[in-house]
Amino acid sequence: MAATFEQIAAHERFRWFGNIDLGGDVSRDELLAAYDAVVYALGAQSDRHLEVPGEQLPGSVAATDVVGWYNGHPHYPDLGLSLQHERAVVVGNGNVALDVARMLCSPVADLNRTDIADHALEVLAGSAVREVLVVGRRGPAQATWTTLELRELGDLADVDVVVEPSGALDVDDDGLPPVVRRNLKTLRALAGRPQRRGARRLVFRFLRSPAALHGNGRVERVDLACNDLVADTEGRVLAHDSGVREVVDTGLVVRAVGYVGVPVDGLPFDPVAGHIPHERGRVDGHDREYVVGWIKRGPTGVIGTNKKDARETVTRLLADLATVADAGAQHPPADRAARLEGWLRTKQPDLVTDPGWQAIDAVERRAGAEQGRPRVKLVRTADLLAAARHIPTP
């Protein structure tokens, strides 16, 4: 994938500007005055909350923050994640929940060969966690993870996969979508492997929902509601609280129960769906403004979904621009690109362009080569900007 991005970045008509804040450094109106069209690919930058008592306690964190922490996002190096307890709870049954659980279970010897952020590597190396509990409010047939993410759990050394409650995998596969059947087959194979004494445990506990978090100054335990599956009048399978509770001791609760987009000033926004309303990619009521990805359709789908989604938006954008061209619009001046960069630098003196990114990339790769790793990430904005300023002379 990195090679694909590098190929696109090398195109003569591609320009990249980083360290620019929309709504801070530049406004929507300024972008629209400078460009023929603006495409918002903002993703879903916020997370959904559990909405239960005690969620505000230290030790209760969003998966978006945890993923940013171990991936080296400059907003999260000081997250202060503590792993000095034997059990961690991850709430959610999607790919992000699996990724967090995998990182918490991964042997340090494996992580040492990756580009995980150094601060996260240090904390994970000293982790006392022996069990990661992945909690899902419904059953395994309703989980939304992909088969590939699930299979990768089988590559974890010294980790046993356990499925609870007993009988959770006794599901009739007939009539289920192919991806669900593959997921069930994979989960059965993982859970069917012999258990090993002293191994870490990755436990899938289905039909459970957090009801409350408790602790003296930080999370110490979580109450789980035991659910039954019921079908509504439209045939959708829902989780119904049975009233029964389980108490689980833990020092960390990571919520991965969904994501929502963040509104853009001046654009319409659907707060329930968490995305910008549009028609085939063009923002409702706004010419020359378009959306792609999760901010367009909500937090669903994978890379293949994004490709189809982007194709629809770009097709609409090009058709709109063709209409403008047919109306006699003039071609932009030849020096437009240079003028745009100059204008952006007046807005943000620490503007980072593609050569600056290449300088950052080179610094990280050199540091990684010294340790036998792909790269050592710079995780502070000041360090990233300092590296970007040292652009090698061609």
Protein backbone atom coordinates (compact mmCIF):
# COMPACT_ATOMS: atom_id res chain seq x y z
CA MET A 1 0.00 0.00 0.00
CA ALA A 2 2.86 2.38 0.81
CA ALA A 3 4.25 1.83 -2.70
CA THR A 4 0.89 2.81 -4.18
CA PHE A 5 0.82 6.03 -2.19
CA GLU A 6 4.40 6.83 -3.21
CA GLN A 7 3.49 6.32 -6.87
CA ILE A 8 0.55 8.70 -6.56
CA ALA A 9 2.68 11.27 -4.72
CA ALA A 10 5.22 11.21 -7.56
CA HIS A 11 2.60 12.28 -10.12
CA GLU A 12 3.30 15.70 -11.59
CA ARG A 13 -0.20 16.92 -10.75
CA PHE A 14 -0.09 15.79 -7.12
CA ARG A 15 0.83 18.18 -4.32
CA TRP A 16 0.70 17.51 -0.60
CA PHE A 17 0.45 20.13 2.15
CA GLY A 18 0.70 19.07 5.78
CA ASN A 19 0.41 20.73 9.18
CA ILE A 20 -2.56 22.80 7.98
CA ASP A 21 -5.61 23.03 10.23
CA LEU A 22 -8.97 23.43 8.49
CA GLY A 23 -10.95 26.00 10.45
CA GLY A 24 -7.81 27.24 12.17
CA ASP A 25 -5.09 28.06 9.65
CA VAL A 26 -7.46 28.24 6.70
CA SER A 27 -11.23 28.45 6.37
CA ARG A 28 -13.60 26.65 4.03
CA ASP A 29 -14.28 29.87 2.18
CA GLU A 30 -10.56 30.43 1.61
CA LEU A 31 -10.10 26.91 0.24
CA LEU A 32 -13.05 27.33 -2.10
CA ALA A 33 -11.61 30.62 -3.32
CA ALA A 34 -8.28 28.92 -4.05
CA TYR A 35 -9.49 25.64 -5.58
CA ASP A 36 -12.10 24.55 -8.10
CA ALA A 37 -13.31 21.78 -5.78
CA VAL A 38 -12.70 20.59 -2.22
CA VAL A 39 -13.00 16.93 -1.19
CA TYR A 40 -13.37 16.18 2.53
CA ALA A 41 -11.76 12.84 3.48
CA LEU A 42 -11.94 13.41 7.22
CA GLY A 43 -12.86 9.93 8.40
CA ALA A 44 -14.65 9.47 11.72
CA GLN A 45 -12.41 11.30 14.16
CA SER A 46 -14.44 10.83 17.32
CA ASP A 47 -15.65 7.74 19.18
CA ARG A 48 -18.94 6.61 20.62
CA HIS A 49 -19.18 6.35 24.39
CA LEU A 50 -20.47 3.49 26.49
CA GLU A 51 -22.86 5.85 28.30
CA VAL A 52 -22.54 3.95 31.60
CA PRO A 53 -21.67 5.11 35.14
CA GLY A 54 -17.95 5.31 35.84
CA GLU A 55 -16.90 5.70 32.21
CA GLN A 56 -15.03 8.89 33.09
CA LEU A 57 -12.63 7.08 35.47
CA PRO A 58 -8.92 6.96 34.59
CA GLY A 59 -8.24 3.61 32.98
CA SER A 60 -11.33 3.94 30.76
CA VAL A 61 -10.09 5.00 27.33
CA ALA A 62 -11.19 5.17 23.71
CA ALA A 63 -9.71 2.75 21.21
CA THR A 64 -9.03 5.71 18.91
CA ASP A 65 -6.66 7.09 21.55
CA VAL A 66 -4.97 3.74 22.18
CA VAL A 67 -4.44 3.10 18.45
CA GLY A 68 -3.01 6.60 18.06
CA TRP A 69 -0.76 5.97 21.07
CA TYR A 70 0.90 2.81 19.74
CA ASN A 71 0.96 4.03 16.12
CA GLY A 72 2.88 7.18 17.04
CA HIS A 73 0.25 9.87 16.42
CA PRO A 74 1.67 13.14 17.80
CA HIS A 75 -1.52 13.81 19.79
CA TYR A 76 -1.13 10.73 22.01
CA PRO A 77 2.45 10.07 23.22
CA ASP A 78 1.45 11.17 26.73
CA LEU A 79 -1.70 9.05 26.96
CA GLY A 80 -0.38 7.55 30.21
CA LEU A 81 -1.71 4.05 29.59
CA SER A 82 -1.11 1.75 32.57
CA LEU A 83 -0.79 -2.01 32.04
CA GLN A 84 0.15 -2.92 35.62
CA HIS A 85 -2.78 -5.27 36.13
CA GLU A 86 -3.51 -8.85 35.06
CA ARG A 87 -6.61 -8.25 32.94
CA ALA A 88 -7.60 -5.73 30.28
CA VAL A 89 -11.10 -5.44 28.83
CA VAL A 90 -11.76 -4.40 25.23
CA VAL A 91 -15.40 -3.59 24.46
CA GLY A 92 -16.44 -4.13 20.85
CA ASN A 93 -16.55 -6.79 18.16
CA GLY A 94 -15.01 -5.02 15.17
CA ASN A 95 -11.57 -4.84 13.59
CA VAL A 96 -10.36 -2.03 15.85
CA ALA A 97 -11.21 -4.06 18.95
CA LEU A 98 -9.26 -7.01 17.52
CA ASP A 99 -6.28 -4.80 16.70
CA VAL A 100 -6.12 -3.41 20.24
CA ALA A 101 -6.47 -6.91 21.73
CA ARG A 102 -3.74 -8.23 19.43
CA MET A 103 -1.34 -5.48 20.48
CA LEU A 104 -2.00 -6.10 24.18
CA CYS A 105 -1.28 -9.82 23.68
CA SER A 106 1.69 -9.57 21.31
CA PRO A 107 5.07 -10.84 22.55
CA VAL A 108 7.62 -8.05 22.90
CA ALA A 109 10.05 -9.99 20.69
CA ASP A 110 7.54 -9.63 17.84
CA LEU A 111 6.86 -5.94 18.53
CA ASN A 112 10.60 -5.22 18.53
CA ARG A 113 10.62 -5.92 14.79
CA THR A 114 7.82 -3.46 13.99
CA ASP A 115 7.50 0.32 13.71
CA ILE A 116 5.39 0.64 16.87
CA ALA A 117 6.08 3.90 18.71
CA ASP A 118 8.94 3.62 21.20
CA HIS A 119 6.90 4.93 24.14
CA ALA A 120 4.27 2.23 23.54
CA LEU A 121 6.91 -0.46 23.11
CA GLU A 122 8.39 0.43 26.50
CA VAL A 123 5.01 0.21 28.25
CA LEU A 124 4.05 -3.05 26.51
CA ALA A 125 7.44 -4.55 27.38
CA GLY A 126 6.65 -4.00 31.06
CA SER A 127 3.02 -5.13 30.80
CA ALA A 128 1.58 -7.30 33.58
CA VAL A 129 -1.51 -8.18 31.52
CA ARG A 130 -2.07 -11.93 31.26
CA GLU A 131 -5.64 -11.90 29.96
CA VAL A 132 -7.41 -9.70 27.43
CA LEU A 133 -11.19 -9.94 27.53
CA VAL A 134 -12.97 -8.94 24.30
CA VAL A 135 -16.60 -8.19 25.14
CA GLY A 136 -19.42 -8.24 22.58
CA ARG A 137 -23.06 -7.40 23.30
CA ARG A 138 -24.33 -9.91 20.73
CA GLY A 139 -23.07 -13.25 19.44
CA PRO A 140 -20.20 -14.28 17.14
CA ALA A 141 -22.51 -14.34 14.11
CA GLN A 142 -23.18 -10.61 14.59
CA ALA A 143 -19.52 -9.57 14.99
CA THR A 144 -18.29 -7.18 12.28
CA TRP A 145 -14.59 -8.04 12.11
CA THR A 146 -13.01 -9.34 8.92
CA THR A 147 -11.70 -12.89 8.56
CA LEU A 148 -8.14 -11.70 7.91
CA GLU A 149 -7.99 -9.79 11.21
CA LEU A 150 -9.38 -12.80 13.04
CA ARG A 151 -6.92 -15.23 11.45
CA GLU A 152 -3.96 -13.08 12.47
CA LEU A 153 -4.72 -13.89 16.10
CA GLY A 154 -3.58 -17.43 15.35
CA ASP A 155 -0.07 -16.11 14.68
CA LEU A 156 0.36 -14.79 18.23
CA ALA A 157 2.96 -16.84 20.11
CA ASP A 158 2.02 -18.17 23.56
CA VAL A 159 -1.55 -16.88 23.39
CA ASP A 160 -4.58 -19.13 23.91
CA VAL A 161 -7.90 -18.09 22.38
CA VAL A 162 -10.97 -18.85 24.50
CA VAL A 163 -14.64 -18.36 23.58
CA GLU A 164 -17.29 -17.77 26.25
CA PRO A 165 -19.98 -18.52 27.24
CA SER A 166 -19.98 -22.24 26.59
CA GLY A 167 -21.99 -22.96 23.46
CA ALA A 168 -21.53 -19.48 21.95
CA LEU A 169 -20.20 -21.06 18.76
CA ASP A 170 -23.09 -23.53 18.45
CA VAL A 171 -24.57 -21.51 15.62
CA ASP A 172 -26.36 -22.91 12.58
CA ASP A 173 -24.29 -21.67 9.64
CA ASP A 174 -27.01 -22.31 7.05
CA GLY A 175 -28.26 -19.11 5.47
CA LEU A 176 -25.53 -16.94 6.97
CA PRO A 177 -23.46 -14.66 4.69
CA PRO A 178 -20.16 -16.20 3.47
CA VAL A 179 -18.01 -13.81 5.53
CA VAL A 180 -19.89 -14.76 8.71
CA ARG A 181 -19.44 -18.47 7.98
CA ARG A 182 -15.71 -17.91 7.42
CA ASN A 183 -15.45 -15.98 10.68
CA LEU A 184 -17.23 -18.70 12.63
CA LYS A 185 -14.99 -21.37 11.10
CA THR A 186 -11.88 -19.37 12.00
CA LEU A 187 -13.05 -18.69 15.54
CA ARG A 188 -13.89 -22.37 16.09
CA ALA A 189 -10.43 -23.37 14.87
CA LEU A 190 -8.73 -20.86 17.18
CA ALA A 191 -10.80 -21.89 20.19
CA GLY A 192 -10.27 -25.58 19.42
CA ARG A 193 -6.51 -25.47 19.83
CA PRO A 194 -5.07 -27.09 23.00
CA GLN A 195 -4.74 -24.72 25.96
CA ARG A 196 -1.21 -24.22 27.31
CA ARG A 197 -0.19 -23.72 30.89
CA GLY A 198 1.18 -20.22 31.51
CA ALA A 199 0.10 -18.77 28.15
CA ARG A 200 -1.61 -15.42 27.87
CA ARG A 201 -5.35 -15.69 27.28
CA LEU A 202 -7.39 -13.82 24.70
CA VAL A 203 -10.99 -14.40 25.76
CA PHE A 204 -13.99 -13.60 23.57
CA ARG A 205 -16.97 -13.16 25.87
CA PHE A 206 -20.13 -12.76 23.84
CA LEU A 207 -23.62 -11.65 24.94
CA ARG A 208 -22.18 -9.15 27.42
CA SER A 209 -22.42 -5.36 27.73
CA PRO A 210 -20.72 -3.02 30.22
CA ALA A 211 -23.31 -1.79 32.73
CA ALA A 212 -21.01 0.21 35.04
CA LEU A 213 -17.33 0.84 35.79
CA HIS A 214 -16.13 1.05 39.39
CA GLY A 215 -12.95 1.98 41.21
CA ASN A 216 -11.31 4.20 43.79
CA GLY A 217 -9.70 6.91 41.67
CA ARG A 218 -9.36 4.67 38.60
CA VAL A 219 -10.99 1.63 36.99
CA GLU A 220 -10.77 -1.49 39.16
CA ARG A 221 -13.73 -3.55 37.95
CA VAL A 222 -16.57 -3.56 35.44
CA ASP A 223 -20.12 -4.86 35.77
CA LEU A 224 -21.19 -6.81 32.68
CA ALA A 225 -24.84 -7.21 31.77
CA CYS A 226 -25.67 -10.70 30.46
CA ASN A 227 -27.73 -10.44 27.29
CA ASP A 228 -30.19 -12.57 25.38
CA LEU A 229 -30.59 -12.34 21.62
CA VAL A 230 -34.02 -11.30 20.36
CA ALA A 231 -35.30 -10.51 16.87
CA ASP A 232 -37.32 -7.37 16.24
CA THR A 233 -40.25 -7.07 13.84
CA GLU A 234 -37.86 -6.46 10.93
CA GLY A 235 -35.78 -9.54 11.70
CA ARG A 236 -32.80 -7.69 13.16
CA VAL A 237 -30.97 -9.50 15.95
CA LEU A 238 -30.76 -7.32 19.06
CA ALA A 239 -29.18 -7.69 22.50
CA HIS A 240 -31.67 -7.71 25.39
CA ASP A 241 -30.46 -7.20 28.98
CA SER A 242 -31.50 -10.25 31.02
CA GLY A 243 -30.92 -8.43 34.31
CA VAL A 244 -28.12 -10.82 35.31
CA ARG A 245 -24.73 -9.26 36.12
CA GLU A 246 -21.12 -10.44 36.16
CA VAL A 247 -18.30 -8.58 37.91
CA VAL A 248 -14.89 -8.56 36.23
CA ASP A 249 -11.74 -7.21 37.89
CA THR A 250 -9.67 -5.08 35.51
CA GLY A 251 -7.46 -2.01 35.45
CA LEU A 252 -8.15 -1.04 31.84
CA VAL A 253 -11.33 -0.75 29.77
CA VAL A 254 -10.90 0.17 26.10
CA ARG A 255 -14.10 1.07 24.26
CA ALA A 256 -14.27 0.27 20.54
CA VAL A 257 -18.03 0.51 20.06
CA GLY A 258 -18.17 2.76 17.04
CA TYR A 259 -16.99 6.05 15.63
CA VAL A 260 -18.59 9.27 14.50
CA GLY A 261 -17.54 12.04 12.18
CA VAL A 262 -16.84 15.56 13.35
CA PRO A 263 -18.90 18.45 11.89
CA VAL A 264 -17.27 20.98 9.57
CA ASP A 265 -18.36 24.57 10.16
CA GLY A 266 -20.73 25.67 7.43
CA LEU A 267 -21.55 22.19 6.11
CA PRO A 268 -24.65 20.11 6.90
CA PHE A 269 -24.14 17.26 9.36
CA ASP A 270 -26.23 14.28 10.44
CA PRO A 271 -25.52 13.86 14.18
CA VAL A 272 -27.25 10.47 14.36
CA ALA A 273 -25.39 8.83 11.47
CA GLY A 274 -22.26 10.90 12.17
CA HIS A 275 -21.56 11.95 8.59
CA ILE A 276 -22.05 14.78 6.08
CA PRO A 277 -25.22 14.37 3.95
CA HIS A 278 -24.54 14.18 0.22
CA GLU A 279 -25.86 13.06 -3.14
CA ARG A 280 -23.46 10.67 -4.87
CA GLY A 281 -20.57 12.36 -3.08
CA ARG A 282 -21.49 16.02 -3.54
CA VAL A 283 -22.38 17.73 -0.26
CA ASP A 284 -26.08 18.55 -0.05
CA GLY A 285 -26.68 22.16 -1.02
CA HIS A 286 -23.00 22.91 -1.69
CA ASP A 287 -21.50 23.10 -5.16
CA ARG A 288 -17.79 22.25 -5.47
CA GLU A 289 -17.65 20.45 -2.10
CA TYR A 290 -17.49 16.66 -1.90
CA VAL A 291 -17.01 13.84 0.61
CA VAL A 292 -15.40 10.39 0.59
CA GLY A 293 -14.87 7.61 3.12
CA TRP A 294 -16.36 7.45 6.60
CA ILE A 295 -17.33 11.14 6.68
CA LYS A 296 -19.44 10.33 3.60
CA ARG A 297 -21.13 7.07 4.62
CA GLY A 298 -20.38 6.54 8.31
CA PRO A 299 -17.85 4.19 9.97
CA THR A 300 -18.44 1.05 7.93
CA GLY A 301 -16.54 -0.88 5.29
CA VAL A 302 -12.92 -1.64 4.45
CA ILE A 303 -10.43 -0.58 1.76
CA GLY A 304 -12.47 -2.14 -1.03
CA THR A 305 -15.52 -0.20 0.14
CA ASN A 306 -13.52 3.02 0.12
CA LYS A 307 -12.41 2.44 -3.48
CA LYS A 308 -15.97 2.08 -4.72
CA ASP A 309 -17.04 5.02 -2.57
CA ALA A 310 -14.24 7.26 -3.92
CA ARG A 311 -14.98 6.27 -7.51
CA GLU A 312 -18.57 7.48 -7.12
CA THR A 313 -17.47 10.82 -5.68
CA VAL A 314 -14.76 11.44 -8.27
CA THR A 315 -17.15 10.57 -11.09
CA ARG A 316 -19.58 13.16 -9.77
CA LEU A 317 -16.82 15.76 -9.29
CA LEU A 318 -15.47 15.33 -12.82
CA ALA A 319 -18.95 15.56 -14.30
CA ASP A 320 -19.56 18.79 -12.40
CA LEU A 321 -16.22 20.26 -13.50
CA ALA A 322 -16.94 19.31 -17.11
CA THR A 323 -20.15 21.30 -16.91
CA VAL A 324 -18.19 24.32 -15.67
CA ALA A 325 -15.63 23.89 -18.47
CA ASP A 326 -18.38 23.73 -21.07
CA ALA A 327 -19.65 27.04 -19.72
CA GLY A 328 -16.38 28.68 -20.74
CA ALA A 329 -14.34 28.66 -17.54
CA GLN A 330 -10.72 29.77 -18.01
CA HIS A 331 -7.74 27.50 -17.40
CA PRO A 332 -5.76 28.35 -14.24
CA PRO A 333 -2.46 30.22 -14.68
CA ALA A 334 0.68 28.11 -15.10
CA ASP A 335 2.17 29.33 -11.81
CA ARG A 336 -0.96 28.56 -9.81
CA ALA A 337 0.63 25.71 -7.82
CA ALA A 338 3.56 27.85 -6.66
CA ARG A 339 1.22 30.70 -5.77
CA LEU A 340 -0.96 28.36 -3.71
CA GLU A 341 2.04 27.12 -1.73
CA GLY A 342 3.15 30.69 -1.09
CA TRP A 343 -0.33 31.62 0.09
CA LEU A 344 -0.51 28.61 2.44
CA ARG A 345 2.86 29.54 3.95
CA THR A 346 1.44 32.92 4.89
CA LYS A 347 -1.26 31.00 6.78
CA GLN A 348 1.08 28.43 8.34
CA PRO A 349 4.83 29.20 8.32
CA ASP A 350 5.54 25.59 9.38
CA LEU A 351 3.85 24.20 6.28
CA VAL A 352 5.15 20.73 5.38
CA THR A 353 5.25 19.76 1.70
CA ASP A 354 6.19 16.48 0.03
CA PRO A 355 9.98 17.10 0.24
CA GLY A 356 9.53 17.75 3.96
CA TRP A 357 7.65 14.48 4.37
CA GLN A 358 10.41 12.66 2.48
CA ALA A 359 12.94 14.17 4.90
CA ILE A 360 10.89 12.90 7.87
CA ASP A 361 10.64 9.49 6.22
CA ALA A 362 14.40 9.33 5.71
CA VAL A 363 15.13 10.23 9.35
CA GLU A 364 12.74 7.57 10.64
CA ARG A 365 14.05 4.88 8.29
CA ARG A 366 17.68 5.57 9.20
CA ALA A 367 16.88 5.30 12.90
CA GLY A 368 14.98 2.08 12.25
CA ALA A 369 17.82 0.53 10.25
CA GLU A 370 20.13 0.98 13.23
CA GLN A 371 17.76 -1.16 15.32
CA GLY A 372 16.73 -3.69 12.68
CA ARG A 373 13.24 -2.18 12.45
CA PRO A 374 11.30 -0.66 9.52
CA ARG A 375 11.50 2.79 11.13
CA VAL A 376 11.57 4.58 14.48
CA LYS A 377 8.71 7.05 14.45
CA LEU A 378 9.02 10.67 15.46
CA VAL A 379 6.05 11.26 17.75
CA ARG A 380 6.42 14.90 18.78
CA THR A 381 5.25 17.67 16.46
CA ALA A 382 8.39 19.71 17.16
CA ASP A 383 10.61 16.77 16.16
CA LEU A 384 8.60 16.14 13.00
CA LEU A 385 8.87 19.78 11.96
CA ALA A 386 12.60 19.86 12.72
CA ALA A 387 13.15 16.81 10.51
CA ALA A 388 11.00 18.31 7.74
CA ARG A 389 13.17 21.44 7.63
CA HIS A 390 16.33 19.44 6.90
CA ILE A 391 15.52 18.65 3.28
CA PRO A 392 18.52 17.01 1.53
CA THR A 393 20.00 18.91 -1.40
CA PRO A 394 19.34 17.04 -4.69
